[in-house]
Full PDB file with SEQRES, HELIX, SHEET, SSBOND, CRYST1, ORIGX, SCALE, CONECT and MASTER records, all heavy atoms in Angstrom:
SEQRES   1 A   42  VAL MET THR THR ILE TRP GLY ASP GLU GLY ASN GLU CYS          
SEQRES   2 A   42  ASP ILE TYR SER ALA ILE PRO GLY MET LEU TYR HIS ALA          
SEQRES   3 A   42  GLU HIS ALA TYR THR ARG GLN ASP GLU VAL ASN THR THR          
SEQRES   4 A   42  LEU LEU ARG                                                  
HELIX    1 AA1 ILE A   15  ALA A   18  5                                   4    
HELIX    2 AA2 ILE A   19  ALA A   29  1                                  11    
HELIX    3 AA3 THR A   38  LEU A   41  1                                   4    
CRYST1    1.000    1.000    1.000  90.00  90.00  90.00 P 1           1          
ORIGX1      1.000000  0.000000  0.000000        0.00000                         
ORIGX2      0.000000  1.000000  0.000000        0.00000                         
ORIGX3      0.000000  0.000000  1.000000        0.00000                         
SCALE1      1.000000  0.000000  0.000000        0.00000                         
SCALE2      0.000000  1.000000  0.000000        0.00000                         
SCALE3      0.000000  0.000000  1.000000        0.00000                         
ATOM      1  N   VAL A   1      84.572 137.395  95.497  1.00  0.00           N  
ATOM      2  CA  VAL A   1      85.590 138.423  95.321  1.00  0.00           C  
ATOM      3  C   VAL A   1      86.848 137.725  94.772  1.00  0.00           C  
ATOM      4  O   VAL A   1      86.979 136.498  94.897  1.00  0.00           O  
ATOM      5  CB  VAL A   1      85.941 139.207  96.558  1.00  0.00           C  
ATOM      6  CG1 VAL A   1      84.743 140.048  97.048  1.00  0.00           C  
ATOM      7  CG2 VAL A   1      86.371 138.321  97.705  1.00  0.00           C  
ATOM      8  N   MET A   2      87.775 138.502  94.216  1.00  0.00           N  
ATOM      9  CA  MET A   2      88.914 137.894  93.568  1.00  0.00           C  
ATOM     10  C   MET A   2      90.132 138.793  93.744  1.00  0.00           C  
ATOM     11  O   MET A   2      90.012 140.008  93.745  1.00  0.00           O  
ATOM     12  CB  MET A   2      88.618 137.718  92.074  1.00  0.00           C  
ATOM     13  CG  MET A   2      89.745 137.256  91.255  1.00  0.00           C  
ATOM     14  SD  MET A   2      89.358 136.943  89.530  1.00  0.00           S  
ATOM     15  CE  MET A   2      88.418 138.368  88.992  1.00  0.00           C  
ATOM     16  N   THR A   3      91.252 138.189  93.964  1.00  0.00           N  
ATOM     17  CA  THR A   3      92.537 138.931  93.986  1.00  0.00           C  
ATOM     18  C   THR A   3      93.360 138.457  92.740  1.00  0.00           C  
ATOM     19  O   THR A   3      93.341 137.308  92.411  1.00  0.00           O  
ATOM     20  CB  THR A   3      93.336 138.565  95.223  1.00  0.00           C  
ATOM     21  OG1 THR A   3      92.632 138.946  96.361  1.00  0.00           O  
ATOM     22  CG2 THR A   3      94.716 139.211  95.252  1.00  0.00           C  
ATOM     23  N   THR A   4      93.965 139.444  92.085  1.00  0.00           N  
ATOM     24  CA  THR A   4      94.744 139.120  90.906  1.00  0.00           C  
ATOM     25  C   THR A   4      96.184 139.683  91.051  1.00  0.00           C  
ATOM     26  O   THR A   4      96.374 140.620  91.810  1.00  0.00           O  
ATOM     27  CB  THR A   4      94.125 139.687  89.594  1.00  0.00           C  
ATOM     28  OG1 THR A   4      94.122 141.090  89.698  1.00  0.00           O  
ATOM     29  CG2 THR A   4      92.723 139.167  89.405  1.00  0.00           C  
ATOM     30  N   ILE A   5      97.060 139.127  90.275  1.00  0.00           N  
ATOM     31  CA  ILE A   5      98.424 139.623  90.189  1.00  0.00           C  
ATOM     32  C   ILE A   5      98.712 139.811  88.711  1.00  0.00           C  
ATOM     33  O   ILE A   5      98.522 138.886  87.910  1.00  0.00           O  
ATOM     34  CB  ILE A   5      99.472 138.616  90.754  1.00  0.00           C  
ATOM     35  CG1 ILE A   5      99.083 138.298  92.223  1.00  0.00           C  
ATOM     36  CG2 ILE A   5     100.869 139.172  90.640  1.00  0.00           C  
ATOM     37  CD1 ILE A   5      99.934 137.136  92.762  1.00  0.00           C  
ATOM     38  N   TRP A   6      99.105 141.035  88.356  1.00  0.00           N  
ATOM     39  CA  TRP A   6      99.326 141.359  86.907  1.00  0.00           C  
ATOM     40  C   TRP A   6     100.798 141.497  86.619  1.00  0.00           C  
ATOM     41  O   TRP A   6     101.532 142.095  87.370  1.00  0.00           O  
ATOM     42  CB  TRP A   6      98.585 142.621  86.549  1.00  0.00           C  
ATOM     43  CG  TRP A   6      97.131 142.482  86.655  1.00  0.00           C  
ATOM     44  CD1 TRP A   6      96.346 142.633  87.757  1.00  0.00           C  
ATOM     45  CD2 TRP A   6      96.246 142.161  85.608  1.00  0.00           C  
ATOM     46  NE1 TRP A   6      95.023 142.377  87.440  1.00  0.00           N  
ATOM     47  CE2 TRP A   6      94.914 142.136  86.108  1.00  0.00           C  
ATOM     48  CE3 TRP A   6      96.432 141.916  84.238  1.00  0.00           C  
ATOM     49  CZ2 TRP A   6      93.799 141.835  85.333  1.00  0.00           C  
ATOM     50  CZ3 TRP A   6      95.305 141.644  83.474  1.00  0.00           C  
ATOM     51  CH2 TRP A   6      93.998 141.601  84.018  1.00  0.00           C  
ATOM     52  N   GLY A   7     101.189 140.974  85.513  1.00  0.00           N  
ATOM     53  CA  GLY A   7     102.508 141.159  84.946  1.00  0.00           C  
ATOM     54  C   GLY A   7     102.377 141.360  83.448  1.00  0.00           C  
ATOM     55  O   GLY A   7     101.271 141.321  82.916  1.00  0.00           O  
ATOM     56  N   ASP A   8     103.466 141.511  82.756  1.00  0.00           N  
ATOM     57  CA  ASP A   8     103.383 141.583  81.298  1.00  0.00           C  
ATOM     58  C   ASP A   8     104.145 140.368  80.770  1.00  0.00           C  
ATOM     59  O   ASP A   8     104.539 139.461  81.498  1.00  0.00           O  
ATOM     60  CB  ASP A   8     103.953 142.920  80.795  1.00  0.00           C  
ATOM     61  CG  ASP A   8     105.415 143.104  81.146  1.00  0.00           C  
ATOM     62  OD1 ASP A   8     106.068 142.160  81.634  1.00  0.00           O  
ATOM     63  OD2 ASP A   8     105.917 144.220  80.946  1.00  0.00           O  
ATOM     64  N   GLU A   9     104.372 140.396  79.452  1.00  0.00           N  
ATOM     65  CA  GLU A   9     105.000 139.218  78.855  1.00  0.00           C  
ATOM     66  C   GLU A   9     106.445 138.949  79.388  1.00  0.00           C  
ATOM     67  O   GLU A   9     106.925 137.882  79.345  1.00  0.00           O  
ATOM     68  CB  GLU A   9     104.993 139.250  77.340  1.00  0.00           C  
ATOM     69  CG  GLU A   9     105.760 140.414  76.723  1.00  0.00           C  
ATOM     70  CD  GLU A   9     104.979 141.712  76.786  1.00  0.00           C  
ATOM     71  OE1 GLU A   9     103.717 141.741  76.871  1.00  0.00           O  
ATOM     72  OE2 GLU A   9     105.634 142.768  76.690  1.00  0.00           O  
ATOM     73  N   GLY A  10     107.019 140.032  79.927  1.00  0.00           N  
ATOM     74  CA  GLY A  10     108.359 139.882  80.576  1.00  0.00           C  
ATOM     75  C   GLY A  10     108.263 139.517  81.995  1.00  0.00           C  
ATOM     76  O   GLY A  10     109.282 139.249  82.665  1.00  0.00           O  
ATOM     77  N   ASN A  11     107.081 139.476  82.569  1.00  0.00           N  
ATOM     78  CA  ASN A  11     106.836 139.151  83.976  1.00  0.00           C  
ATOM     79  C   ASN A  11     107.765 139.937  84.878  1.00  0.00           C  
ATOM     80  O   ASN A  11     108.475 139.375  85.663  1.00  0.00           O  
ATOM     81  CB  ASN A  11     106.890 137.638  84.214  1.00  0.00           C  
ATOM     82  CG  ASN A  11     106.179 137.229  85.453  1.00  0.00           C  
ATOM     83  OD1 ASN A  11     105.325 137.977  85.909  1.00  0.00           O  
ATOM     84  ND2 ASN A  11     106.528 136.088  86.023  1.00  0.00           N  
ATOM     85  N   GLU A  12     107.700 141.258  84.772  1.00  0.00           N  
ATOM     86  CA  GLU A  12     108.589 142.139  85.580  1.00  0.00           C  
ATOM     87  C   GLU A  12     108.178 142.185  87.018  1.00  0.00           C  
ATOM     88  O   GLU A  12     108.876 142.764  87.859  1.00  0.00           O  
ATOM     89  CB  GLU A  12     108.609 143.513  84.989  1.00  0.00           C  
ATOM     90  CG  GLU A  12     109.199 143.502  83.598  1.00  0.00           C  
ATOM     91  CD  GLU A  12     109.065 144.841  82.887  1.00  0.00           C  
ATOM     92  OE1 GLU A  12     108.561 145.776  83.479  1.00  0.00           O  
ATOM     93  OE2 GLU A  12     109.530 144.955  81.746  1.00  0.00           O  
ATOM     94  N   CYS A  13     107.056 141.655  87.364  1.00  0.00           N  
ATOM     95  CA  CYS A  13     106.553 141.723  88.741  1.00  0.00           C  
ATOM     96  C   CYS A  13     107.096 140.509  89.561  1.00  0.00           C  
ATOM     97  O   CYS A  13     107.021 139.384  89.092  1.00  0.00           O  
ATOM     98  CB  CYS A  13     105.046 141.672  88.725  1.00  0.00           C  
ATOM     99  SG  CYS A  13     104.261 141.532  90.349  1.00  0.00           S  
ATOM    100  N   ASP A  14     107.602 140.773  90.712  1.00  0.00           N  
ATOM    101  CA  ASP A  14     107.996 139.650  91.609  1.00  0.00           C  
ATOM    102  C   ASP A  14     106.710 139.148  92.223  1.00  0.00           C  
ATOM    103  O   ASP A  14     106.126 139.806  93.145  1.00  0.00           O  
ATOM    104  CB  ASP A  14     108.958 140.180  92.670  1.00  0.00           C  
ATOM    105  CG  ASP A  14     109.295 139.162  93.706  1.00  0.00           C  
ATOM    106  OD1 ASP A  14     109.126 137.969  93.453  1.00  0.00           O  
ATOM    107  OD2 ASP A  14     109.684 139.550  94.792  1.00  0.00           O  
ATOM    108  N   ILE A  15     106.237 137.963  91.839  1.00  0.00           N  
ATOM    109  CA  ILE A  15     104.986 137.493  92.302  1.00  0.00           C  
ATOM    110  C   ILE A  15     104.992 137.209  93.827  1.00  0.00           C  
ATOM    111  O   ILE A  15     103.989 137.303  94.477  1.00  0.00           O  
ATOM    112  CB  ILE A  15     104.504 136.231  91.553  1.00  0.00           C  
ATOM    113  CG1 ILE A  15     105.534 135.073  91.705  1.00  0.00           C  
ATOM    114  CG2 ILE A  15     104.252 136.562  90.089  1.00  0.00           C  
ATOM    115  CD1 ILE A  15     105.023 133.767  91.134  1.00  0.00           C  
ATOM    116  N   TYR A  16     106.174 136.971  94.392  1.00  0.00           N  
ATOM    117  CA  TYR A  16     106.249 136.687  95.782  1.00  0.00           C  
ATOM    118  C   TYR A  16     105.957 137.976  96.633  1.00  0.00           C  
ATOM    119  O   TYR A  16     105.574 137.857  97.758  1.00  0.00           O  
ATOM    120  CB  TYR A  16     107.601 136.112  96.179  1.00  0.00           C  
ATOM    121  CG  TYR A  16     107.794 134.763  95.568  1.00  0.00           C  
ATOM    122  CD1 TYR A  16     108.676 134.607  94.503  1.00  0.00           C  
ATOM    123  CD2 TYR A  16     107.102 133.645  95.979  1.00  0.00           C  
ATOM    124  CE1 TYR A  16     108.841 133.330  93.885  1.00  0.00           C  
ATOM    125  CE2 TYR A  16     107.222 132.428  95.392  1.00  0.00           C  
ATOM    126  CZ  TYR A  16     108.135 132.277  94.362  1.00  0.00           C  
ATOM    127  OH  TYR A  16     108.266 131.045  93.775  1.00  0.00           O  
ATOM    128  N   SER A  17     106.162 139.132  96.040  1.00  0.00           N  
ATOM    129  CA  SER A  17     105.859 140.351  96.719  1.00  0.00           C  
ATOM    130  C   SER A  17     104.364 140.540  96.995  1.00  0.00           C  
ATOM    131  O   SER A  17     103.955 141.349  97.816  1.00  0.00           O  
ATOM    132  CB  SER A  17     106.393 141.590  95.990  1.00  0.00           C  
ATOM    133  OG  SER A  17     105.700 141.734  94.763  1.00  0.00           O  
ATOM    134  N   ALA A  18     103.558 139.768  96.320  1.00  0.00           N  
ATOM    135  CA  ALA A  18     102.084 139.851  96.484  1.00  0.00           C  
ATOM    136  C   ALA A  18     101.563 138.975  97.619  1.00  0.00           C  
ATOM    137  O   ALA A  18     100.392 139.093  98.004  1.00  0.00           O  
ATOM    138  CB  ALA A  18     101.380 139.411  95.187  1.00  0.00           C  
ATOM    139  N   ILE A  19     102.430 138.145  98.215  1.00  0.00           N  
ATOM    140  CA  ILE A  19     101.967 137.221  99.238  1.00  0.00           C  
ATOM    141  C   ILE A  19     101.351 137.927 100.442  1.00  0.00           C  
ATOM    142  O   ILE A  19     100.242 137.493 100.887  1.00  0.00           O  
ATOM    143  CB  ILE A  19     103.152 136.292  99.707  1.00  0.00           C  
ATOM    144  CG1 ILE A  19     103.516 135.405  98.520  1.00  0.00           C  
ATOM    145  CG2 ILE A  19     102.713 135.482 100.876  1.00  0.00           C  
ATOM    146  CD1 ILE A  19     104.757 134.561  98.785  1.00  0.00           C  
ATOM    147  N   PRO A  20     101.876 139.047 101.003  1.00  0.00           N  
ATOM    148  CA  PRO A  20     101.228 139.677 102.087  1.00  0.00           C  
ATOM    149  C   PRO A  20      99.811 140.149 101.771  1.00  0.00           C  
ATOM    150  O   PRO A  20      98.889 139.963 102.541  1.00  0.00           O  
ATOM    151  CB  PRO A  20     102.120 140.886 102.421  1.00  0.00           C  
ATOM    152  CG  PRO A  20     103.443 140.493 101.926  1.00  0.00           C  
ATOM    153  CD  PRO A  20     103.192 139.663 100.717  1.00  0.00           C  
ATOM    154  N   GLY A  21      99.630 140.705 100.570  1.00  0.00           N  
ATOM    155  CA  GLY A  21      98.298 141.147 100.170  1.00  0.00           C  
ATOM    156  C   GLY A  21      97.336 140.008  99.977  1.00  0.00           C  
ATOM    157  O   GLY A  21      96.152 140.097 100.292  1.00  0.00           O  
ATOM    158  N   MET A  22      97.822 138.892  99.452  1.00  0.00           N  
ATOM    159  CA  MET A  22      96.942 137.733  99.245  1.00  0.00           C  
ATOM    160  C   MET A  22      96.530 137.158 100.559  1.00  0.00           C  
ATOM    161  O   MET A  22      95.378 136.788 100.778  1.00  0.00           O  
ATOM    162  CB  MET A  22      97.702 136.698  98.391  1.00  0.00           C  
ATOM    163  CG  MET A  22      97.958 137.170  96.975  1.00  0.00           C  
ATOM    164  SD  MET A  22      99.039 136.093  96.035  1.00  0.00           S  
ATOM    165  CE  MET A  22      98.094 134.562  96.000  1.00  0.00           C  
ATOM    166  N   LEU A  23      97.432 137.123 101.552  1.00  0.00           N  
ATOM    167  CA  LEU A  23      97.073 136.600 102.852  1.00  0.00           C  
ATOM    168  C   LEU A  23      96.091 137.517 103.563  1.00  0.00           C  
ATOM    169  O   LEU A  23      95.123 137.085 104.175  1.00  0.00           O  
ATOM    170  CB  LEU A  23      98.319 136.381 103.722  1.00  0.00           C  
ATOM    171  CG  LEU A  23      98.095 135.791 105.092  1.00  0.00           C  
ATOM    172  CD1 LEU A  23      97.364 134.479 105.012  1.00  0.00           C  
ATOM    173  CD2 LEU A  23      99.375 135.658 105.853  1.00  0.00           C  
ATOM    174  N   TYR A  24      96.291 138.866 103.401  1.00  0.00           N  
ATOM    175  CA  TYR A  24      95.349 139.809 103.961  1.00  0.00           C  
ATOM    176  C   TYR A  24      93.964 139.639 103.355  1.00  0.00           C  
ATOM    177  O   TYR A  24      92.987 139.631 104.104  1.00  0.00           O  
ATOM    178  CB  TYR A  24      95.880 141.229 103.658  1.00  0.00           C  
ATOM    179  CG  TYR A  24      95.001 142.333 104.183  1.00  0.00           C  
ATOM    180  CD1 TYR A  24      95.047 142.700 105.531  1.00  0.00           C  
ATOM    181  CD2 TYR A  24      94.156 143.031 103.326  1.00  0.00           C  
ATOM    182  CE1 TYR A  24      94.281 143.730 106.009  1.00  0.00           C  
ATOM    183  CE2 TYR A  24      93.351 144.059 103.840  1.00  0.00           C  
ATOM    184  CZ  TYR A  24      93.425 144.386 105.169  1.00  0.00           C  
ATOM    185  OH  TYR A  24      92.611 145.408 105.649  1.00  0.00           O  
ATOM    186  N   HIS A  25      93.901 139.450 102.084  1.00  0.00           N  
ATOM    187  CA  HIS A  25      92.606 139.188 101.361  1.00  0.00           C  
ATOM    188  C   HIS A  25      91.977 137.899 101.956  1.00  0.00           C  
ATOM    189  O   HIS A  25      90.797 137.893 102.237  1.00  0.00           O  
ATOM    190  CB  HIS A  25      92.855 139.038  99.884  1.00  0.00           C  
ATOM    191  CG  HIS A  25      91.633 138.768  99.103  1.00  0.00           C  
ATOM    192  ND1 HIS A  25      90.892 139.745  98.507  1.00  0.00           N  
ATOM    193  CD2 HIS A  25      91.038 137.633  98.795  1.00  0.00           C  
ATOM    194  CE1 HIS A  25      89.898 139.198  97.857  1.00  0.00           C  
ATOM    195  NE2 HIS A  25      89.941 137.900  98.014  1.00  0.00           N  
ATOM    196  N   ALA A  26      92.742 136.867 102.072  1.00  0.00           N  
ATOM    197  CA  ALA A  26      92.234 135.605 102.596  1.00  0.00           C  
ATOM    198  C   ALA A  26      91.707 135.751 104.037  1.00  0.00           C  
ATOM    199  O   ALA A  26      90.695 135.173 104.425  1.00  0.00           O  
ATOM    200  CB  ALA A  26      93.306 134.519 102.548  1.00  0.00           C  
ATOM    201  N   GLU A  27      92.463 136.468 104.834  1.00  0.00           N  
ATOM    202  CA  GLU A  27      92.025 136.734 106.232  1.00  0.00           C  
ATOM    203  C   GLU A  27      90.687 137.398 106.279  1.00  0.00           C  
ATOM    204  O   GLU A  27      89.821 137.081 107.118  1.00  0.00           O  
ATOM    205  CB  GLU A  27      93.063 137.506 107.013  1.00  0.00           C  
ATOM    206  CG  GLU A  27      94.304 136.727 107.398  1.00  0.00           C  
ATOM    207  CD  GLU A  27      93.944 135.527 108.350  1.00  0.00           C  
ATOM    208  OE1 GLU A  27      93.416 135.808 109.425  1.00  0.00           O  
ATOM    209  OE2 GLU A  27      94.202 134.421 107.951  1.00  0.00           O  
ATOM    210  N   HIS A  28      90.503 138.372 105.412  1.00  0.00           N  
ATOM    211  CA  HIS A  28      89.181 139.023 105.326  1.00  0.00           C  
ATOM    212  C   HIS A  28      88.056 138.020 104.972  1.00  0.00           C  
ATOM    213  O   HIS A  28      86.961 138.108 105.452  1.00  0.00           O  
ATOM    214  CB  HIS A  28      89.194 140.119 104.301  1.00  0.00           C  
ATOM    215  CG  HIS A  28      89.367 141.491 104.892  1.00  0.00           C  
ATOM    216  ND1 HIS A  28      88.458 142.076 105.743  1.00  0.00           N  
ATOM    217  CD2 HIS A  28      90.376 142.412 104.761  1.00  0.00           C  
ATOM    218  CE1 HIS A  28      88.886 143.291 106.087  1.00  0.00           C  
ATOM    219  NE2 HIS A  28      90.074 143.488 105.521  1.00  0.00           N  
ATOM    220  N   ALA A  29      88.415 137.098 104.094  1.00  0.00           N  
ATOM    221  CA  ALA A  29      87.385 136.141 103.603  1.00  0.00           C  
ATOM    222  C   ALA A  29      86.948 135.194 104.758  1.00  0.00           C  
ATOM    223  O   ALA A  29      85.819 134.659 104.697  1.00  0.00           O  
ATOM    224  CB  ALA A  29      87.955 135.338 102.438  1.00  0.00           C  
ATOM    225  N   TYR A  30      87.834 134.991 105.720  1.00  0.00           N  
ATOM    226  CA  TYR A  30      87.530 134.006 106.767  1.00  0.00           C  
ATOM    227  C   TYR A  30      87.124 134.650 108.109  1.00  0.00           C  
ATOM    228  O   TYR A  30      87.114 133.985 109.129  1.00  0.00           O  
ATOM    229  CB  TYR A  30      88.685 133.057 106.968  1.00  0.00           C  
ATOM    230  CG  TYR A  30      88.845 132.117 105.783  1.00  0.00           C  
ATOM    231  CD1 TYR A  30      89.822 132.319 104.831  1.00  0.00           C  
ATOM    232  CD2 TYR A  30      87.992 131.015 105.660  1.00  0.00           C  
ATOM    233  CE1 TYR A  30      89.951 131.436 103.758  1.00  0.00           C  
ATOM    234  CE2 TYR A  30      88.073 130.159 104.606  1.00  0.00           C  
ATOM    235  CZ  TYR A  30      89.112 130.371 103.647  1.00  0.00           C  
ATOM    236  OH  TYR A  30      89.184 129.529 102.602  1.00  0.00           O  
ATOM    237  N   THR A  31      86.842 135.944 108.106  1.00  0.00           N  
ATOM    238  CA  THR A  31      86.343 136.565 109.298  1.00  0.00           C  
ATOM    239  C   THR A  31      85.135 137.479 109.020  1.00  0.00           C  
ATOM    240  O   THR A  31      85.071 138.040 107.931  1.00  0.00           O  
ATOM    241  CB  THR A  31      87.438 137.429 110.018  1.00  0.00           C  
ATOM    242  OG1 THR A  31      86.923 137.973 111.210  1.00  0.00           O  
ATOM    243  CG2 THR A  31      87.976 138.546 109.141  1.00  0.00           C  
ATOM    244  N   ARG A  32      84.246 137.603 109.922  1.00  0.00           N  
ATOM    245  CA  ARG A  32      83.116 138.485 109.726  1.00  0.00           C  
ATOM    246  C   ARG A  32      83.420 139.918 110.218  1.00  0.00           C  
ATOM    247  O   ARG A  32      82.659 140.827 109.956  1.00  0.00           O  
ATOM    248  CB  ARG A  32      81.903 137.955 110.466  1.00  0.00           C  
ATOM    249  CG  ARG A  32      81.404 136.625 109.939  1.00  0.00           C  
ATOM    250  CD  ARG A  32      80.116 136.208 110.669  1.00  0.00           C  
ATOM    251  NE  ARG A  32      79.684 134.877 110.311  1.00  0.00           N  
ATOM    252  CZ  ARG A  32      78.833 134.646 109.327  1.00  0.00           C  
ATOM    253  NH1 ARG A  32      78.312 135.626 108.645  1.00  0.00           N  
ATOM    254  NH2 ARG A  32      78.489 133.393 109.067  1.00  0.00           N  
ATOM    255  N   GLN A  33      84.505 140.041 110.913  1.00  0.00           N  
ATOM    256  CA  GLN A  33      84.923 141.339 111.406  1.00  0.00           C  
ATOM    257  C   GLN A  33      85.325 142.261 110.307  1.00  0.00           C  
ATOM    258  O   GLN A  33      85.769 141.854 109.214  1.00  0.00           O  
ATOM    259  CB  GLN A  33      86.103 141.228 112.461  1.00  0.00           C  
ATOM    260  CG  GLN A  33      85.704 140.393 113.623  1.00  0.00           C  
ATOM    261  CD  GLN A  33      86.944 140.059 114.464  1.00  0.00           C  
ATOM    262  OE1 GLN A  33      88.067 140.304 114.061  1.00  0.00           O  
ATOM    263  NE2 GLN A  33      86.693 139.547 115.677  1.00  0.00           N  
ATOM    264  N   ASP A  34      85.159 143.598 110.528  1.00  0.00           N  
ATOM    265  CA  ASP A  34      85.549 144.554 109.553  1.00  0.00           C  
ATOM    266  C   ASP A  34      87.057 144.687 109.314  1.00  0.00           C  
ATOM    267  O   ASP A  34      87.504 144.991 108.259  1.00  0.00           O  
ATOM    268  CB  ASP A  34      84.985 145.955 109.846  1.00  0.00           C  
ATOM    269  CG  ASP A  34      83.516 146.098 109.570  1.00  0.00           C  
ATOM    270  OD1 ASP A  34      82.973 145.285 108.837  1.00  0.00           O  
ATOM    271  OD2 ASP A  34      82.953 147.053 110.133  1.00  0.00           O  
ATOM    272  N   GLU A  35      87.794 144.441 110.381  1.00  0.00           N  
ATOM    273  CA  GLU A  35      89.241 144.563 110.292  1.00  0.00           C  
ATOM    274  C   GLU A  35      89.882 143.160 110.537  1.00  0.00           C  
ATOM    275  O   GLU A  35      89.411 142.374 111.303  1.00  0.00           O  
ATOM    276  CB  GLU A  35      89.772 145.571 111.326  1.00  0.00           C  
ATOM    277  CG  GLU A  35      89.345 146.998 111.033  1.00  0.00           C  
ATOM    278  CD  GLU A  35      89.916 147.508 109.700  1.00  0.00           C  
ATOM    279  OE1 GLU A  35      91.031 147.088 109.348  1.00  0.00           O  
ATOM    280  OE2 GLU A  35      89.274 148.354 109.106  1.00  0.00           O  
ATOM    281  N   VAL A  36      91.079 142.997 109.923  1.00  0.00           N  
ATOM    282  CA  VAL A  36      91.889 141.789 110.113  1.00  0.00           C  
ATOM    283  C   VAL A  36      92.747 141.981 111.378  1.00  0.00           C  
ATOM    284  O   VAL A  36      93.262 143.068 111.584  1.00  0.00           O  
ATOM    285  CB  VAL A  36      92.726 141.574 108.866  1.00  0.00           C  
ATOM    286  CG1 VAL A  36      93.801 140.499 109.127  1.00  0.00           C  
ATOM    287  CG2 VAL A  36      91.856 141.194 107.687  1.00  0.00           C  
ATOM    288  N   ASN A  37      92.902 140.946 112.148  1.00  0.00           N  
ATOM    289  CA  ASN A  37      93.772 140.973 113.281  1.00  0.00           C  
ATOM    290  C   ASN A  37      95.209 140.905 112.742  1.00  0.00           C  
ATOM    291  O   ASN A  37      95.697 139.886 112.339  1.00  0.00           O  
ATOM    292  CB  ASN A  37      93.488 139.758 114.172  1.00  0.00           C  
ATOM    293  CG  ASN A  37      94.413 139.677 115.407  1.00  0.00           C  
ATOM    294  OD1 ASN A  37      95.519 140.156 115.392  1.00  0.00           O  
ATOM    295  ND2 ASN A  37      93.852 139.059 116.439  1.00  0.00           N  
ATOM    296  N   THR A  38      95.891 142.055 112.782  1.00  0.00           N  
ATOM    297  CA  THR A  38      97.236 142.158 112.141  1.00  0.00           C  
ATOM    298  C   THR A  38      98.287 141.345 112.924  1.00  0.00           C  
ATOM    299  O   THR A  38      99.251 140.835 112.309  1.00  0.00           O  
ATOM    300  CB  THR A  38      97.694 143.599 111.994  1.00  0.00           C  
ATOM    301  OG1 THR A  38      97.657 144.262 113.242  1.00  0.00           O  
ATOM    302  CG2 THR A  38      96.786 144.323 111.000  1.00  0.00           C  
ATOM    303  N   THR A  39      98.090 141.161 114.193  1.00  0.00           N  
ATOM    304  CA  THR A  39      99.074 140.362 114.970  1.00  0.00           C  
ATOM    305  C   THR A  39      98.961 138.911 114.489  1.00  0.00           C  
ATOM    306  O   THR A  39     100.000 138.281 114.211  1.00  0.00           O  
ATOM    307  CB  THR A  39      98.751 140.451 116.490  1.00  0.00           C  
ATOM    308  OG1 THR A  39      98.813 141.810 116.911  1.00  0.00           O  
ATOM    309  CG2 THR A  39      99.741 139.626 117.280  1.00  0.00           C  
ATOM    310  N   LEU A  40      97.774 138.440 114.358  1.00  0.00           N  
ATOM    311  CA  LEU A  40      97.560 137.056 113.861  1.00  0.00           C  
ATOM    312  C   LEU A  40      98.001 136.945 112.412  1.00  0.00           C  
ATOM    313  O   LEU A  40      98.571 135.918 112.021  1.00  0.00           O  
ATOM    314  CB  LEU A  40      96.085 136.694 114.008  1.00  0.00           C  
ATOM    315  CG  LEU A  40      95.689 135.229 113.630  1.00  0.00           C  
ATOM    316  CD1 LEU A  40      96.482 134.252 114.483  1.00  0.00           C  
ATOM    317  CD2 LEU A  40      94.225 135.033 113.900  1.00  0.00           C  
ATOM    318  N   LEU A  41      97.761 137.946 111.620  1.00  0.00           N  
ATOM    319  CA  LEU A  41      98.144 137.993 110.201  1.00  0.00           C  
ATOM    320  C   LEU A  41      99.655 137.782 110.077  1.00  0.00           C  
ATOM    321  O   LEU A  41     100.156 136.994 109.308  1.00  0.00           O  
ATOM    322  CB  LEU A  41      97.709 139.257 109.530  1.00  0.00           C  
ATOM    323  CG  LEU A  41      98.143 139.486 108.082  1.00  0.00           C  
ATOM    324  CD1 LEU A  41      97.320 138.565 107.183  1.00  0.00           C  
ATOM    325  CD2 LEU A  41      97.931 140.937 107.666  1.00  0.00           C  
ATOM    326  N   ARG A  42     100.385 138.557 110.923  1.00  0.00           N  
ATOM    327  CA  ARG A  42     101.864 138.468 110.893  1.00  0.00           C  
ATOM    328  C   ARG A  42     102.349 137.066 111.292  1.00  0.00           C  
ATOM    329  O   ARG A  42     103.230 136.505 110.680  1.00  0.00           O  
ATOM    330  CB  ARG A  42     102.472 139.498 111.817  1.00  0.00           C  
ATOM    331  CG  ARG A  42     102.512 140.885 111.233  1.00  0.00           C  
ATOM    332  CD  ARG A  42     103.110 141.860 112.265  1.00  0.00           C  
ATOM    333  NE  ARG A  42     103.305 143.160 111.642  1.00  0.00           N  
ATOM    334  CZ  ARG A  42     102.354 144.105 111.594  1.00  0.00           C  
ATOM    335  NH1 ARG A  42     101.159 143.871 112.100  1.00  0.00           N  
ATOM    336  NH2 ARG A  42     102.588 145.268 110.996  1.00  0.00           N  
TER     337      ARG A  42                                                      
MASTER        0    0    0    3    0    0    0    6  336    1    0    4          
END                                                                             
């Protein structure tokens, strides 16, 4: 699976705003459970 961050040539997206989503994705990758432990995620 893959996570992407999209911007345009002006890079109007704040890439740091994607960090929570990227960490959430990574947590899913490292657990067999259906849900991520949000306390641990935080």
